[in-house]
C-alpha atoms as a PDB file:
ATOM      1  CA  UNK A   1      46.238 -36.036  30.295  1.00  0.00           C
ATOM      2  CA  UNK A   2      48.635 -38.862  29.573  1.00  0.00           C
ATOM      3  CA  UNK A   3      52.149 -37.992  28.478  1.00  0.00           C
ATOM      4  CA  UNK A   4      53.453 -38.764  24.999  1.00  0.00           C
ATOM      5  CA  UNK A   5      55.971 -41.124  26.551  1.00  0.00           C
ATOM      6  CA  UNK A   6      53.199 -43.169  28.162  1.00  0.00           C
ATOM      7  CA  UNK A   7      51.179 -43.223  24.938  1.00  0.00           C
ATOM      8  CA  UNK A   8      54.197 -44.510  23.031  1.00  0.00           C
ATOM      9  CA  UNK A   9      54.563 -47.302  25.586  1.00  0.00           C
ATOM     10  CA  UNK A  10      50.894 -48.234  25.176  1.00  0.00           C
ATOM     11  CA  UNK A  11      51.188 -48.309  21.377  1.00  0.00           C
ATOM     12  CA  UNK A  12      54.309 -50.470  21.573  1.00  0.00           C
ATOM     13  CA  UNK A  13      52.682 -52.812  24.088  1.00  0.00           C
ATOM     14  CA  UNK A  14      49.528 -53.325  22.016  1.00  0.00           C
ATOM     15  CA  UNK A  15      51.532 -53.894  18.834  1.00  0.00           C
ATOM     16  CA  UNK A  16      53.821 -56.360  20.590  1.00  0.00           C
ATOM     17  CA  UNK A  17      50.767 -58.280  21.837  1.00  0.00           C
ATOM     18  CA  UNK A  18      49.412 -58.496  18.287  1.00  0.00           C
ATOM     19  CA  UNK A  19      52.808 -59.644  17.030  1.00  0.00           C
ATOM     20  CA  UNK A  20      52.925 -62.249  19.795  1.00  0.00           C
ATOM     21  CA  UNK A  21      49.576 -63.579  18.582  1.00  0.00           C
ATOM     22  CA  UNK A  22      51.031 -63.913  15.077  1.00  0.00           C
ATOM     23  CA  UNK A  23      54.067 -65.792  16.349  1.00  0.00           C
ATOM     24  CA  UNK A  24      51.917 -68.094  18.483  1.00  0.00           C
ATOM     25  CA  UNK A  25      49.677 -68.826  15.499  1.00  0.00           C
ATOM     26  CA  UNK A  26      52.671 -69.623  13.326  1.00  0.00           C
ATOM     27  CA  UNK A  27      54.026 -72.067  15.911  1.00  0.00           C
ATOM     28  CA  UNK A  28      50.764 -73.992  16.321  1.00  0.00           C
ATOM     29  CA  UNK A  29      51.310 -76.469  13.513  1.00  0.00           C
ATOM     30  CA  UNK A  30      54.725 -75.658  12.138  1.00  0.00           C
ATOM     31  CA  UNK A  31      53.343 -75.187   8.621  1.00  0.00           C
ATOM     32  CA  UNK A  32      53.558 -71.767   6.955  1.00  0.00           C
ATOM     33  CA  UNK A  33      50.339 -69.763   6.988  1.00  0.00           C
ATOM     34  CA  UNK A  34      49.568 -67.626   3.956  1.00  0.00           C
ATOM     35  CA  UNK A  35      49.161 -63.976   4.841  1.00  0.00           C
ATOM     36  CA  UNK A  36      50.681 -64.142   8.313  1.00  0.00           C
ATOM     37  CA  UNK A  37      53.915 -62.461   7.235  1.00  0.00           C
ATOM     38  CA  UNK A  38      51.945 -59.617   5.680  1.00  0.00           C
ATOM     39  CA  UNK A  39      49.978 -59.094   8.890  1.00  0.00           C
ATOM     40  CA  UNK A  40      53.175 -59.138  10.971  1.00  0.00           C
ATOM     41  CA  UNK A  41      54.753 -56.552   8.654  1.00  0.00           C
ATOM     42  CA  UNK A  42      51.609 -54.421   8.916  1.00  0.00           C
ATOM     43  CA  UNK A  43      51.772 -54.596  12.725  1.00  0.00           C
ATOM     44  CA  UNK A  44      55.396 -53.441  12.723  1.00  0.00           C
ATOM     45  CA  UNK A  45      54.557 -50.634  10.295  1.00  0.00           C
ATOM     46  CA  UNK A  46      51.588 -49.613  12.476  1.00  0.00           C
ATOM     47  CA  UNK A  47      53.838 -49.437  15.522  1.00  0.00           C
ATOM     48  CA  UNK A  48      56.375 -47.276  13.723  1.00  0.00           C
ATOM     49  CA  UNK A  49      53.771 -44.966  12.197  1.00  0.00           C
ATOM     50  CA  UNK A  50      51.795 -44.323  15.362  1.00  0.00           C
ATOM     51  CA  UNK A  51      54.883 -43.783  17.531  1.00  0.00           C
ATOM     52  CA  UNK A  52      56.258 -41.278  14.988  1.00  0.00           C
ATOM     53  CA  UNK A  53      52.943 -39.428  14.800  1.00  0.00           C
ATOM     54  CA  UNK A  54      53.125 -38.686  18.525  1.00  0.00           C
ATOM     55  CA  UNK A  55      56.290 -36.678  17.977  1.00  0.00           C
ATOM     56  CA  UNK A  56      54.579 -34.183  15.668  1.00  0.00           C
ATOM     57  CA  UNK A  57      51.600 -32.650  17.444  1.00  0.00           C
ATOM     58  CA  UNK A  58      50.567 -29.177  16.328  1.00  0.00           C
ATOM     59  CA  UNK A  59      50.284 -26.632  19.098  1.00  0.00           C
ATOM     60  CA  UNK A  60      46.759 -25.471  19.785  1.00  0.00           C
ATOM     61  CA  UNK A  61      44.985 -28.495  18.342  1.00  0.00           C
ATOM     62  CA  UNK A  62      46.159 -31.154  20.775  1.00  0.00           C
ATOM     63  CA  UNK A  63      42.681 -32.209  21.885  1.00  0.00           C
ATOM     64  CA  UNK A  64      41.470 -32.797  18.329  1.00  0.00           C
ATOM     65  CA  UNK A  65      44.715 -34.542  17.388  1.00  0.00           C
ATOM     66  CA  UNK A  66      44.627 -36.998  20.282  1.00  0.00           C
ATOM     67  CA  UNK A  67      40.933 -37.762  19.851  1.00  0.00           C
ATOM     68  CA  UNK A  68      41.471 -38.534  16.161  1.00  0.00           C
ATOM     69  CA  UNK A  69      44.729 -40.397  16.902  1.00  0.00           C
ATOM     70  CA  UNK A  70      43.056 -42.604  19.499  1.00  0.00           C
ATOM     71  CA  UNK A  71      40.115 -43.508  17.259  1.00  0.00           C
ATOM     72  CA  UNK A  72      42.325 -44.263  14.248  1.00  0.00           C
ATOM     73  CA  UNK A  73      44.622 -46.438  16.361  1.00  0.00           C
ATOM     74  CA  UNK A  74      41.716 -48.378  17.864  1.00  0.00           C
ATOM     75  CA  UNK A  75      40.191 -48.936  14.423  1.00  0.00           C
ATOM     76  CA  UNK A  76      43.503 -50.107  12.962  1.00  0.00           C
ATOM     77  CA  UNK A  77      44.215 -52.458  15.881  1.00  0.00           C
ATOM     78  CA  UNK A  78      40.715 -53.939  15.601  1.00  0.00           C
ATOM     79  CA  UNK A  79      41.252 -54.495  11.879  1.00  0.00           C
ATOM     80  CA  UNK A  80      44.554 -56.277  12.513  1.00  0.00           C
ATOM     81  CA  UNK A  81      43.000 -58.331  15.279  1.00  0.00           C
ATOM     82  CA  UNK A  82      40.187 -59.449  12.977  1.00  0.00           C
ATOM     83  CA  UNK A  83      42.705 -60.463  10.311  1.00  0.00           C
ATOM     84  CA  UNK A  84      44.586 -62.599  12.848  1.00  0.00           C
ATOM     85  CA  UNK A  85      41.318 -64.103  14.044  1.00  0.00           C
ATOM     86  CA  UNK A  86      40.305 -64.968  10.464  1.00  0.00           C
ATOM     87  CA  UNK A  87      43.623 -66.745   9.907  1.00  0.00           C
ATOM     88  CA  UNK A  88      43.162 -68.659  13.148  1.00  0.00           C
ATOM     89  CA  UNK A  89      39.629 -69.714  12.225  1.00  0.00           C
ATOM     90  CA  UNK A  90      40.689 -70.777   8.746  1.00  0.00           C
ATOM     91  CA  UNK A  91      43.620 -72.735  10.194  1.00  0.00           C
ATOM     92  CA  UNK A  92      41.336 -74.441  12.721  1.00  0.00           C
ATOM     93  CA  UNK A  93      38.909 -75.290   9.926  1.00  0.00           C
ATOM     94  CA  UNK A  94      41.648 -77.093   7.992  1.00  0.00           C
ATOM     95  CA  UNK A  95      42.267 -79.555  10.799  1.00  0.00           C
END
């Protein structure tokens, strides 16, 4: 089983990659993109929430907690990724 410390690093790494995608998208044309700031704020909030949740695991139900935690994190990251992709596609369609 992976340690909490390693899981926190993975969460931070994935969130930083998503944030990097937002920054790269914002630098493409130099014009502001509607909704990008909201997505970036959501990514930062996701990072904070999921790192904090790892600090409060109930004894005896670790397996259930981590299974649920993993699935919720994957779903949330996929949702954020799709939002970034939609902004990119809409920006590419404008040009």
